Amino acid sequence: MPPGVVLDSPRTEDGAVLWRIARDSRVLDLNSSYSYLLWCRDYAATSIVARDATDPLQAPVGFITGYTRPDAPRTLLIWQVAVDSSRRGQGLAGAMLDALALRAGATCGVDVIETTITPGNKASHRLFTSFAERHSAAVAREVLFDAGAFPEAGHEPEVLYRIGPLTADRP
């Protein structure tokens, strides 16, 4: 865990900051600001924020949003991972992912992590591949949505990463 950071569940009042972090990433598909407010309210149990412990307001400096799949409730789909530019390169994304997987396993029975990654997103590929290695879990990959499924031109395909099974006795 990087120094000066604490991990927590998101709160509704974090939504605007999460939206700004996502916008400033210049990599993520930006959802509406309203959706981040709802996400912090409705999916707090399956999401996580990293807070600046040195800030009196403990403002978020990173987040992961996720949800359990309705048709596969032991599967946590990771929607977005973002870290403020001032905190990148410190292992914060990996620490958040490890903590969220542990918490979701204990509270929701999650034993599989899924996410989608475009072929050009090398940082996300490294994050989820190293997560699987740390947890001695298999990784299966397949194209979930081909580029032609998206209405806008130039969208890369979304490759589904399925990581698991995870067990409670692993970090």
N, C-alpha and C. Protein backbone atom coordinates (compact mmCIF):
# COMPACT_ATOMS: atom_id res chain seq x y z
N MET A 1 0.84 -1.18 0.00
CA MET A 1 0.00 0.00 0.00
C MET A 1 0.89 1.24 0.00
N PRO A 2 0.67 2.13 -0.93
CA PRO A 2 1.46 3.37 -0.93
C PRO A 2 1.23 4.16 0.36
N PRO A 3 2.26 4.83 0.86
CA PRO A 3 2.10 5.61 2.08
C PRO A 3 1.13 6.77 1.86
N GLY A 4 0.42 7.13 2.93
CA GLY A 4 -0.48 8.27 2.87
C GLY A 4 -1.80 7.99 2.19
N VAL A 5 -2.13 6.71 2.01
CA VAL A 5 -3.37 6.34 1.34
C VAL A 5 -4.13 5.36 2.20
N VAL A 6 -5.44 5.53 2.28
CA VAL A 6 -6.31 4.56 2.95
C VAL A 6 -7.38 4.12 1.96
N LEU A 7 -7.78 2.85 2.08
CA LEU A 7 -8.81 2.31 1.20
C LEU A 7 -10.14 2.31 1.93
N ASP A 8 -11.22 2.56 1.18
CA ASP A 8 -12.53 2.74 1.77
C ASP A 8 -13.59 2.41 0.72
N SER A 9 -14.82 2.31 1.17
CA SER A 9 -15.95 2.20 0.25
C SER A 9 -16.29 3.61 -0.25
N PRO A 10 -16.75 3.72 -1.49
CA PRO A 10 -17.13 5.05 -1.97
C PRO A 10 -18.41 5.53 -1.30
N ARG A 11 -18.52 6.85 -1.19
CA ARG A 11 -19.71 7.51 -0.67
C ARG A 11 -20.29 8.39 -1.77
N THR A 12 -21.56 8.66 -1.70
CA THR A 12 -22.21 9.45 -2.74
C THR A 12 -21.46 10.75 -3.02
N GLU A 13 -20.98 11.40 -1.98
CA GLU A 13 -20.28 12.67 -2.17
C GLU A 13 -18.95 12.51 -2.90
N ASP A 14 -18.48 11.29 -3.10
CA ASP A 14 -17.26 11.04 -3.87
C ASP A 14 -17.51 11.05 -5.38
N GLY A 15 -18.76 10.95 -5.79
CA GLY A 15 -19.08 10.77 -7.21
C GLY A 15 -18.46 11.80 -8.13
N ALA A 16 -18.51 13.08 -7.75
CA ALA A 16 -17.97 14.14 -8.61
C ALA A 16 -16.46 14.00 -8.77
N VAL A 17 -15.77 13.63 -7.69
CA VAL A 17 -14.31 13.46 -7.76
C VAL A 17 -13.97 12.25 -8.64
N LEU A 18 -14.73 11.16 -8.50
CA LEU A 18 -14.49 9.98 -9.34
C LEU A 18 -14.67 10.33 -10.81
N TRP A 19 -15.70 11.10 -11.11
CA TRP A 19 -15.94 11.54 -12.49
C TRP A 19 -14.74 12.33 -13.00
N ARG A 20 -14.21 13.25 -12.17
CA ARG A 20 -13.05 14.06 -12.60
C ARG A 20 -11.81 13.18 -12.81
N ILE A 21 -11.58 12.22 -11.92
CA ILE A 21 -10.42 11.34 -12.09
C ILE A 21 -10.56 10.54 -13.39
N ALA A 22 -11.75 10.03 -13.67
CA ALA A 22 -11.99 9.29 -14.92
C ALA A 22 -11.78 10.19 -16.13
N ARG A 23 -12.33 11.40 -16.08
CA ARG A 23 -12.18 12.35 -17.19
C ARG A 23 -10.72 12.66 -17.43
N ASP A 24 -9.99 12.93 -16.35
CA ASP A 24 -8.60 13.34 -16.48
C ASP A 24 -7.67 12.19 -16.88
N SER A 25 -8.15 10.95 -16.78
CA SER A 25 -7.33 9.81 -17.19
C SER A 25 -7.08 9.83 -18.69
N ARG A 26 -7.98 10.40 -19.44
CA ARG A 26 -7.90 10.48 -20.91
C ARG A 26 -7.82 9.10 -21.57
N VAL A 27 -8.13 8.06 -20.81
CA VAL A 27 -8.09 6.70 -21.33
C VAL A 27 -9.45 6.03 -21.20
N LEU A 28 -10.12 6.28 -20.08
CA LEU A 28 -11.39 5.61 -19.81
C LEU A 28 -12.53 6.21 -20.63
N ASP A 29 -13.51 5.37 -20.94
CA ASP A 29 -14.75 5.88 -21.49
C ASP A 29 -15.43 6.64 -20.36
N LEU A 30 -15.70 7.91 -20.56
CA LEU A 30 -16.28 8.73 -19.51
C LEU A 30 -17.79 8.56 -19.47
N ASN A 31 -18.28 8.14 -18.31
CA ASN A 31 -19.71 8.04 -18.09
C ASN A 31 -20.22 9.41 -17.63
N SER A 32 -21.54 9.56 -17.57
CA SER A 32 -22.10 10.82 -17.09
C SER A 32 -21.74 11.02 -15.62
N SER A 33 -21.68 12.27 -15.19
CA SER A 33 -21.38 12.54 -13.78
C SER A 33 -22.47 11.93 -12.89
N TYR A 34 -23.68 11.91 -13.37
CA TYR A 34 -24.79 11.30 -12.63
C TYR A 34 -24.53 9.82 -12.37
N SER A 35 -23.97 9.12 -13.35
CA SER A 35 -23.73 7.68 -13.17
C SER A 35 -22.71 7.41 -12.06
N TYR A 36 -21.72 8.29 -11.89
CA TYR A 36 -20.74 8.09 -10.82
C TYR A 36 -21.40 8.31 -9.45
N LEU A 37 -22.33 9.26 -9.37
CA LEU A 37 -23.07 9.46 -8.12
C LEU A 37 -23.88 8.21 -7.78
N LEU A 38 -24.59 7.67 -8.78
CA LEU A 38 -25.37 6.46 -8.57
C LEU A 38 -24.47 5.28 -8.22
N TRP A 39 -23.34 5.18 -8.90
CA TRP A 39 -22.43 4.07 -8.64
C TRP A 39 -21.98 4.08 -7.18
N CYS A 40 -21.64 5.28 -6.67
CA CYS A 40 -21.20 5.39 -5.28
C CYS A 40 -22.32 5.04 -4.30
N ARG A 41 -23.56 5.27 -4.69
CA ARG A 41 -24.68 4.93 -3.82
C ARG A 41 -25.05 3.46 -3.92
N ASP A 42 -25.18 2.95 -5.15
CA ASP A 42 -25.76 1.62 -5.35
C ASP A 42 -24.76 0.48 -5.40
N TYR A 43 -23.50 0.77 -5.71
CA TYR A 43 -22.50 -0.29 -5.85
C TYR A 43 -21.30 -0.07 -4.94
N ALA A 44 -21.50 0.59 -3.82
CA ALA A 44 -20.40 0.85 -2.89
C ALA A 44 -19.80 -0.44 -2.34
N ALA A 45 -20.62 -1.47 -2.18
CA ALA A 45 -20.12 -2.73 -1.60
C ALA A 45 -19.19 -3.47 -2.57
N THR A 46 -19.28 -3.17 -3.85
CA THR A 46 -18.46 -3.87 -4.85
C THR A 46 -17.52 -2.90 -5.57
N SER A 47 -17.27 -1.77 -4.95
CA SER A 47 -16.34 -0.77 -5.48
C SER A 47 -15.43 -0.33 -4.34
N ILE A 48 -14.38 0.41 -4.68
CA ILE A 48 -13.42 0.85 -3.67
C ILE A 48 -12.84 2.19 -4.09
N VAL A 49 -12.49 3.00 -3.10
CA VAL A 49 -11.77 4.24 -3.36
C VAL A 49 -10.50 4.26 -2.52
N ALA A 50 -9.49 4.91 -3.05
CA ALA A 50 -8.27 5.20 -2.30
C ALA A 50 -8.35 6.66 -1.91
N ARG A 51 -8.16 6.93 -0.62
CA ARG A 51 -8.26 8.29 -0.12
C ARG A 51 -6.89 8.81 0.31
N ASP A 52 -6.69 10.10 0.12
CA ASP A 52 -5.47 10.77 0.56
C ASP A 52 -5.58 10.97 2.07
N ALA A 53 -4.87 10.18 2.84
CA ALA A 53 -4.95 10.23 4.30
C ALA A 53 -4.38 11.53 4.86
N THR A 54 -3.58 12.25 4.07
CA THR A 54 -3.00 13.50 4.55
C THR A 54 -3.92 14.69 4.31
N ASP A 55 -4.96 14.49 3.53
CA ASP A 55 -5.94 15.54 3.23
C ASP A 55 -7.03 15.52 4.30
N PRO A 56 -7.31 16.67 4.94
CA PRO A 56 -8.35 16.69 5.97
C PRO A 56 -9.70 16.16 5.47
N LEU A 57 -9.98 16.34 4.18
CA LEU A 57 -11.23 15.84 3.61
C LEU A 57 -11.11 14.40 3.12
N GLN A 58 -9.90 13.85 3.12
CA GLN A 58 -9.62 12.51 2.61
C GLN A 58 -10.25 12.31 1.22
N ALA A 59 -9.91 13.20 0.32
CA ALA A 59 -10.44 13.14 -1.04
C ALA A 59 -9.94 11.89 -1.76
N PRO A 60 -10.78 11.30 -2.60
CA PRO A 60 -10.33 10.14 -3.39
C PRO A 60 -9.19 10.51 -4.34
N VAL A 61 -8.22 9.58 -4.46
CA VAL A 61 -7.12 9.73 -5.41
C VAL A 61 -7.08 8.54 -6.37
N GLY A 62 -8.05 7.65 -6.22
CA GLY A 62 -8.16 6.50 -7.10
C GLY A 62 -9.43 5.75 -6.78
N PHE A 63 -9.87 4.95 -7.74
CA PHE A 63 -11.08 4.17 -7.51
C PHE A 63 -11.14 2.97 -8.44
N ILE A 64 -11.93 2.00 -8.02
CA ILE A 64 -12.34 0.89 -8.87
C ILE A 64 -13.84 0.75 -8.70
N THR A 65 -14.55 0.72 -9.81
CA THR A 65 -15.99 0.46 -9.77
C THR A 65 -16.22 -0.96 -10.28
N GLY A 66 -17.13 -1.64 -9.63
CA GLY A 66 -17.45 -3.01 -10.01
C GLY A 66 -18.84 -3.38 -9.56
N TYR A 67 -19.30 -4.50 -10.07
CA TYR A 67 -20.61 -5.04 -9.66
C TYR A 67 -20.59 -6.54 -9.81
N THR A 68 -21.43 -7.21 -9.02
CA THR A 68 -21.58 -8.65 -9.22
C THR A 68 -22.57 -8.86 -10.35
N ARG A 69 -22.25 -9.79 -11.21
CA ARG A 69 -23.09 -10.04 -12.38
C ARG A 69 -24.40 -10.69 -11.95
N PRO A 70 -25.53 -10.17 -12.39
CA PRO A 70 -26.83 -10.74 -11.99
C PRO A 70 -26.97 -12.22 -12.32
N ASP A 71 -26.42 -12.66 -13.45
CA ASP A 71 -26.54 -14.07 -13.83
C ASP A 71 -25.39 -14.93 -13.31
N ALA A 72 -24.43 -14.29 -12.63
CA ALA A 72 -23.28 -15.01 -12.06
C ALA A 72 -22.85 -14.27 -10.80
N PRO A 73 -23.62 -14.38 -9.71
CA PRO A 73 -23.38 -13.55 -8.52
C PRO A 73 -22.04 -13.77 -7.82
N ARG A 74 -21.31 -14.82 -8.16
CA ARG A 74 -19.97 -15.02 -7.57
C ARG A 74 -18.88 -14.40 -8.44
N THR A 75 -19.31 -13.68 -9.48
CA THR A 75 -18.39 -13.01 -10.40
C THR A 75 -18.48 -11.50 -10.22
N LEU A 76 -17.34 -10.88 -9.95
CA LEU A 76 -17.26 -9.43 -9.83
C LEU A 76 -16.73 -8.88 -11.14
N LEU A 77 -17.54 -8.09 -11.83
CA LEU A 77 -17.09 -7.44 -13.05
C LEU A 77 -16.51 -6.08 -12.66
N ILE A 78 -15.25 -5.87 -13.01
CA ILE A 78 -14.60 -4.59 -12.76
C ILE A 78 -14.90 -3.69 -13.95
N TRP A 79 -15.56 -2.58 -13.66
CA TRP A 79 -16.00 -1.65 -14.71
C TRP A 79 -14.89 -0.66 -15.06
N GLN A 80 -14.39 0.04 -14.05
CA GLN A 80 -13.34 1.02 -14.31
C GLN A 80 -12.32 1.01 -13.17
N VAL A 81 -11.08 1.26 -13.56
CA VAL A 81 -9.97 1.44 -12.60
C VAL A 81 -9.30 2.76 -13.00
N ALA A 82 -9.18 3.65 -12.02
CA ALA A 82 -8.53 4.94 -12.32
C ALA A 82 -7.75 5.41 -11.10
N VAL A 83 -6.59 6.00 -11.38
CA VAL A 83 -5.75 6.58 -10.34
C VAL A 83 -5.39 7.99 -10.78
N ASP A 84 -5.50 8.93 -9.85
CA ASP A 84 -5.13 10.31 -10.13
C ASP A 84 -3.68 10.36 -10.61
N SER A 85 -3.41 11.26 -11.52
CA SER A 85 -2.06 11.33 -12.11
C SER A 85 -0.97 11.54 -11.05
N SER A 86 -1.30 12.20 -9.95
CA SER A 86 -0.31 12.44 -8.90
C SER A 86 0.06 11.18 -8.12
N ARG A 87 -0.71 10.11 -8.28
CA ARG A 87 -0.49 8.87 -7.53
C ARG A 87 -0.16 7.67 -8.40
N ARG A 88 0.01 7.88 -9.69
CA ARG A 88 0.31 6.75 -10.58
C ARG A 88 1.73 6.26 -10.36
N GLY A 89 1.95 4.98 -10.67
CA GLY A 89 3.28 4.39 -10.57
C GLY A 89 3.68 3.99 -9.16
N GLN A 90 2.72 3.97 -8.23
CA GLN A 90 3.01 3.62 -6.84
C GLN A 90 2.40 2.30 -6.42
N GLY A 91 1.77 1.58 -7.36
CA GLY A 91 1.14 0.31 -7.03
C GLY A 91 -0.26 0.44 -6.45
N LEU A 92 -0.84 1.62 -6.56
CA LEU A 92 -2.15 1.86 -5.95
C LEU A 92 -3.25 1.05 -6.62
N ALA A 93 -3.25 0.95 -7.94
CA ALA A 93 -4.29 0.18 -8.63
C ALA A 93 -4.26 -1.28 -8.18
N GLY A 94 -3.09 -1.86 -8.09
CA GLY A 94 -2.97 -3.25 -7.64
C GLY A 94 -3.43 -3.43 -6.21
N ALA A 95 -3.08 -2.48 -5.34
CA ALA A 95 -3.50 -2.56 -3.94
C ALA A 95 -5.02 -2.47 -3.83
N MET A 96 -5.63 -1.57 -4.61
CA MET A 96 -7.09 -1.46 -4.59
C MET A 96 -7.74 -2.74 -5.09
N LEU A 97 -7.20 -3.30 -6.17
CA LEU A 97 -7.78 -4.52 -6.75
C LEU A 97 -7.67 -5.69 -5.78
N ASP A 98 -6.52 -5.84 -5.14
CA ASP A 98 -6.36 -6.91 -4.14
C ASP A 98 -7.36 -6.74 -3.00
N ALA A 99 -7.47 -5.53 -2.47
CA ALA A 99 -8.37 -5.27 -1.34
C ALA A 99 -9.83 -5.49 -1.73
N LEU A 100 -10.20 -5.04 -2.91
CA LEU A 100 -11.59 -5.21 -3.36
C LEU A 100 -11.92 -6.68 -3.56
N ALA A 101 -11.02 -7.44 -4.16
CA ALA A 101 -11.26 -8.87 -4.36
C ALA A 101 -11.41 -9.58 -3.03
N LEU A 102 -10.57 -9.24 -2.06
CA LEU A 102 -10.65 -9.85 -0.74
C LEU A 102 -11.99 -9.51 -0.07
N ARG A 103 -12.35 -8.24 -0.10
CA ARG A 103 -13.61 -7.80 0.52
C ARG A 103 -14.83 -8.43 -0.17
N ALA A 104 -14.84 -8.42 -1.50
CA ALA A 104 -15.98 -8.99 -2.23
C ALA A 104 -16.07 -10.50 -2.04
N GLY A 105 -14.93 -11.14 -1.88
CA GLY A 105 -14.94 -12.57 -1.57
C GLY A 105 -15.57 -12.85 -0.23
N ALA A 106 -15.20 -12.04 0.77
CA ALA A 106 -15.72 -12.24 2.13
C ALA A 106 -17.19 -11.86 2.26
N THR A 107 -17.59 -10.79 1.61
CA THR A 107 -18.96 -10.29 1.82
C THR A 107 -19.97 -10.79 0.79
N CYS A 108 -19.50 -11.08 -0.43
CA CYS A 108 -20.42 -11.45 -1.51
C CYS A 108 -20.17 -12.85 -2.07
N GLY A 109 -19.13 -13.52 -1.58
CA GLY A 109 -18.82 -14.85 -2.08
C GLY A 109 -18.17 -14.85 -3.45
N VAL A 110 -17.61 -13.73 -3.86
CA VAL A 110 -16.98 -13.61 -5.17
C VAL A 110 -15.75 -14.51 -5.24
N ASP A 111 -15.64 -15.30 -6.31
CA ASP A 111 -14.45 -16.11 -6.52
C ASP A 111 -13.91 -16.01 -7.95
N VAL A 112 -14.52 -15.11 -8.75
CA VAL A 112 -14.05 -14.85 -10.12
C VAL A 112 -14.10 -13.34 -10.35
N ILE A 113 -13.06 -12.83 -10.99
CA ILE A 113 -13.00 -11.42 -11.39
C ILE A 113 -13.06 -11.39 -12.91
N GLU A 114 -13.90 -10.52 -13.44
CA GLU A 114 -13.94 -10.27 -14.88
C GLU A 114 -13.72 -8.79 -15.13
N THR A 115 -13.15 -8.50 -16.27
CA THR A 115 -13.02 -7.13 -16.75
C THR A 115 -12.88 -7.20 -18.26
N THR A 116 -13.06 -6.08 -18.93
CA THR A 116 -12.75 -6.03 -20.35
C THR A 116 -11.64 -5.01 -20.56
N ILE A 117 -10.77 -5.34 -21.50
CA ILE A 117 -9.62 -4.49 -21.79
C ILE A 117 -9.46 -4.41 -23.30
N THR A 118 -9.25 -3.20 -23.79
CA THR A 118 -8.97 -3.05 -25.22
C THR A 118 -7.52 -3.45 -25.47
N PRO A 119 -7.23 -3.96 -26.67
CA PRO A 119 -5.86 -4.41 -26.95
C PRO A 119 -4.79 -3.34 -26.74
N GLY A 120 -5.11 -2.08 -26.92
CA GLY A 120 -4.13 -1.02 -26.77
C GLY A 120 -3.87 -0.58 -25.34
N ASN A 121 -4.64 -1.08 -24.38
CA ASN A 121 -4.50 -0.65 -22.98
C ASN A 121 -3.51 -1.55 -22.25
N LYS A 122 -2.24 -1.29 -22.46
CA LYS A 122 -1.18 -2.12 -21.89
C LYS A 122 -1.14 -2.07 -20.36
N ALA A 123 -1.44 -0.90 -19.78
CA ALA A 123 -1.40 -0.78 -18.32
C ALA A 123 -2.45 -1.69 -17.67
N SER A 124 -3.65 -1.73 -18.22
CA SER A 124 -4.69 -2.61 -17.66
C SER A 124 -4.33 -4.07 -17.86
N HIS A 125 -3.76 -4.39 -19.00
CA HIS A 125 -3.32 -5.77 -19.23
C HIS A 125 -2.33 -6.19 -18.14
N ARG A 126 -1.34 -5.33 -17.85
CA ARG A 126 -0.35 -5.64 -16.81
C ARG A 126 -1.01 -5.75 -15.44
N LEU A 127 -1.93 -4.83 -15.14
CA LEU A 127 -2.59 -4.84 -13.83
C LEU A 127 -3.32 -6.15 -13.58
N PHE A 128 -4.12 -6.60 -14.53
CA PHE A 128 -4.93 -7.79 -14.31
C PHE A 128 -4.13 -9.08 -14.46
N THR A 129 -3.12 -9.07 -15.31
CA THR A 129 -2.26 -10.24 -15.43
C THR A 129 -1.45 -10.44 -14.14
N SER A 130 -0.92 -9.34 -13.59
CA SER A 130 -0.15 -9.46 -12.36
C SER A 130 -1.06 -9.81 -11.17
N PHE A 131 -2.31 -9.33 -11.18
CA PHE A 131 -3.27 -9.72 -10.14
C PHE A 131 -3.46 -11.24 -10.17
N ALA A 132 -3.67 -11.79 -11.36
CA ALA A 132 -3.86 -13.24 -11.48
C ALA A 132 -2.63 -13.99 -10.99
N GLU A 133 -1.43 -13.51 -11.32
CA GLU A 133 -0.20 -14.16 -10.86
C GLU A 133 -0.09 -14.13 -9.33
N ARG A 134 -0.39 -12.96 -8.73
CA ARG A 134 -0.32 -12.84 -7.27
C ARG A 134 -1.28 -13.80 -6.58
N HIS A 135 -2.39 -14.09 -7.23
CA HIS A 135 -3.43 -14.94 -6.63
C HIS A 135 -3.40 -16.37 -7.17
N SER A 136 -2.37 -16.70 -7.92
CA SER A 136 -2.23 -18.04 -8.52
C SER A 136 -3.51 -18.49 -9.20
N ALA A 137 -4.10 -17.58 -9.95
CA ALA A 137 -5.38 -17.85 -10.61
C ALA A 137 -5.20 -17.87 -12.13
N ALA A 138 -5.98 -18.69 -12.77
CA ALA A 138 -5.95 -18.78 -14.24
C ALA A 138 -6.59 -17.54 -14.85
N VAL A 139 -6.13 -17.20 -16.06
CA VAL A 139 -6.71 -16.10 -16.83
C VAL A 139 -7.18 -16.66 -18.16
N ALA A 140 -8.46 -16.47 -18.46
CA ALA A 140 -9.00 -16.82 -19.77
C ALA A 140 -9.34 -15.52 -20.48
N ARG A 141 -9.05 -15.45 -21.78
CA ARG A 141 -9.32 -14.24 -22.56
C ARG A 141 -10.13 -14.61 -23.80
N GLU A 142 -11.10 -13.77 -24.10
CA GLU A 142 -11.86 -13.91 -25.35
C GLU A 142 -12.48 -12.57 -25.69
N VAL A 143 -12.69 -12.32 -26.97
CA VAL A 143 -13.32 -11.06 -27.37
C VAL A 143 -14.77 -11.11 -26.92
N LEU A 144 -15.16 -10.13 -26.12
CA LEU A 144 -16.55 -10.03 -25.67
C LEU A 144 -17.36 -9.20 -26.65
N PHE A 145 -16.83 -8.05 -27.04
CA PHE A 145 -17.50 -7.18 -28.00
C PHE A 145 -16.50 -6.81 -29.09
N ASP A 146 -16.78 -7.22 -30.31
CA ASP A 146 -15.95 -6.86 -31.45
C ASP A 146 -16.09 -5.37 -31.71
N ALA A 147 -15.12 -4.79 -32.39
CA ALA A 147 -15.14 -3.35 -32.69
C ALA A 147 -16.42 -2.95 -33.41
N GLY A 148 -16.96 -3.82 -34.25
CA GLY A 148 -18.17 -3.52 -35.00
C GLY A 148 -19.42 -3.40 -34.14
N ALA A 149 -19.37 -3.85 -32.89
CA ALA A 149 -20.54 -3.77 -32.01
C ALA A 149 -20.76 -2.35 -31.50
N PHE A 150 -19.75 -1.50 -31.59
CA PHE A 150 -19.85 -0.14 -31.06
C PHE A 150 -20.35 0.81 -32.14
N PRO A 151 -21.19 1.78 -31.75
CA PRO A 151 -21.75 2.69 -32.75
C PRO A 151 -20.75 3.68 -33.31
N GLU A 152 -19.68 4.00 -32.56
CA GLU A 152 -18.71 4.96 -33.04
C GLU A 152 -17.56 4.24 -33.75
N ALA A 153 -17.06 4.88 -34.77
CA ALA A 153 -15.94 4.32 -35.53
C ALA A 153 -14.67 4.40 -34.70
N GLY A 154 -13.81 3.41 -34.86
CA GLY A 154 -12.51 3.44 -34.22
C GLY A 154 -12.43 2.84 -32.83
N HIS A 155 -13.55 2.36 -32.31
CA HIS A 155 -13.50 1.72 -30.98
C HIS A 155 -12.83 0.37 -31.12
N GLU A 156 -11.86 0.10 -30.26
CA GLU A 156 -11.20 -1.20 -30.28
C GLU A 156 -12.13 -2.26 -29.71
N PRO A 157 -11.88 -3.52 -30.04
CA PRO A 157 -12.68 -4.59 -29.41
C PRO A 157 -12.43 -4.60 -27.90
N GLU A 158 -13.39 -5.12 -27.16
CA GLU A 158 -13.25 -5.29 -25.72
C GLU A 158 -13.00 -6.77 -25.46
N VAL A 159 -11.83 -7.07 -24.91
CA VAL A 159 -11.44 -8.44 -24.61
C VAL A 159 -11.79 -8.74 -23.17
N LEU A 160 -12.58 -9.79 -22.96
CA LEU A 160 -12.97 -10.21 -21.62
C LEU A 160 -11.84 -11.00 -20.99
N TYR A 161 -11.42 -10.56 -19.80
CA TYR A 161 -10.47 -11.30 -18.97
C TYR A 161 -11.28 -11.93 -17.85
N ARG A 162 -11.19 -13.22 -17.71
CA ARG A 162 -11.88 -13.94 -16.63
C ARG A 162 -10.79 -14.58 -15.77
N ILE A 163 -10.72 -14.15 -14.51
CA ILE A 163 -9.65 -14.56 -13.60
C ILE A 163 -10.26 -15.34 -12.44
N GLY A 164 -9.80 -16.56 -12.28
CA GLY A 164 -10.31 -17.36 -11.16
C GLY A 164 -10.08 -18.83 -11.42
N PRO A 165 -10.42 -19.63 -10.46
CA PRO A 165 -11.08 -19.22 -9.23
C PRO A 165 -10.10 -18.62 -8.23
N LEU A 166 -10.63 -17.69 -7.44
CA LEU A 166 -9.90 -17.10 -6.32
C LEU A 166 -10.34 -17.84 -5.07
N THR A 167 -9.44 -18.01 -4.13
CA THR A 167 -9.81 -18.66 -2.88
C THR A 167 -9.57 -17.70 -1.73
N ALA A 168 -10.31 -17.88 -0.67
CA ALA A 168 -10.25 -16.98 0.48
C ALA A 168 -8.90 -17.00 1.17
N ASP A 169 -8.13 -18.07 1.03
CA ASP A 169 -6.86 -18.13 1.75
C ASP A 169 -5.71 -17.48 1.00
N ARG A 170 -6.00 -16.89 -0.17
CA ARG A 170 -4.95 -16.19 -0.91
C ARG A 170 -5.02 -14.70 -0.61
N PRO A 171 -3.88 -14.00 -0.70
CA PRO A 171 -3.87 -12.56 -0.40
C PRO A 171 -4.70 -11.77 -1.38
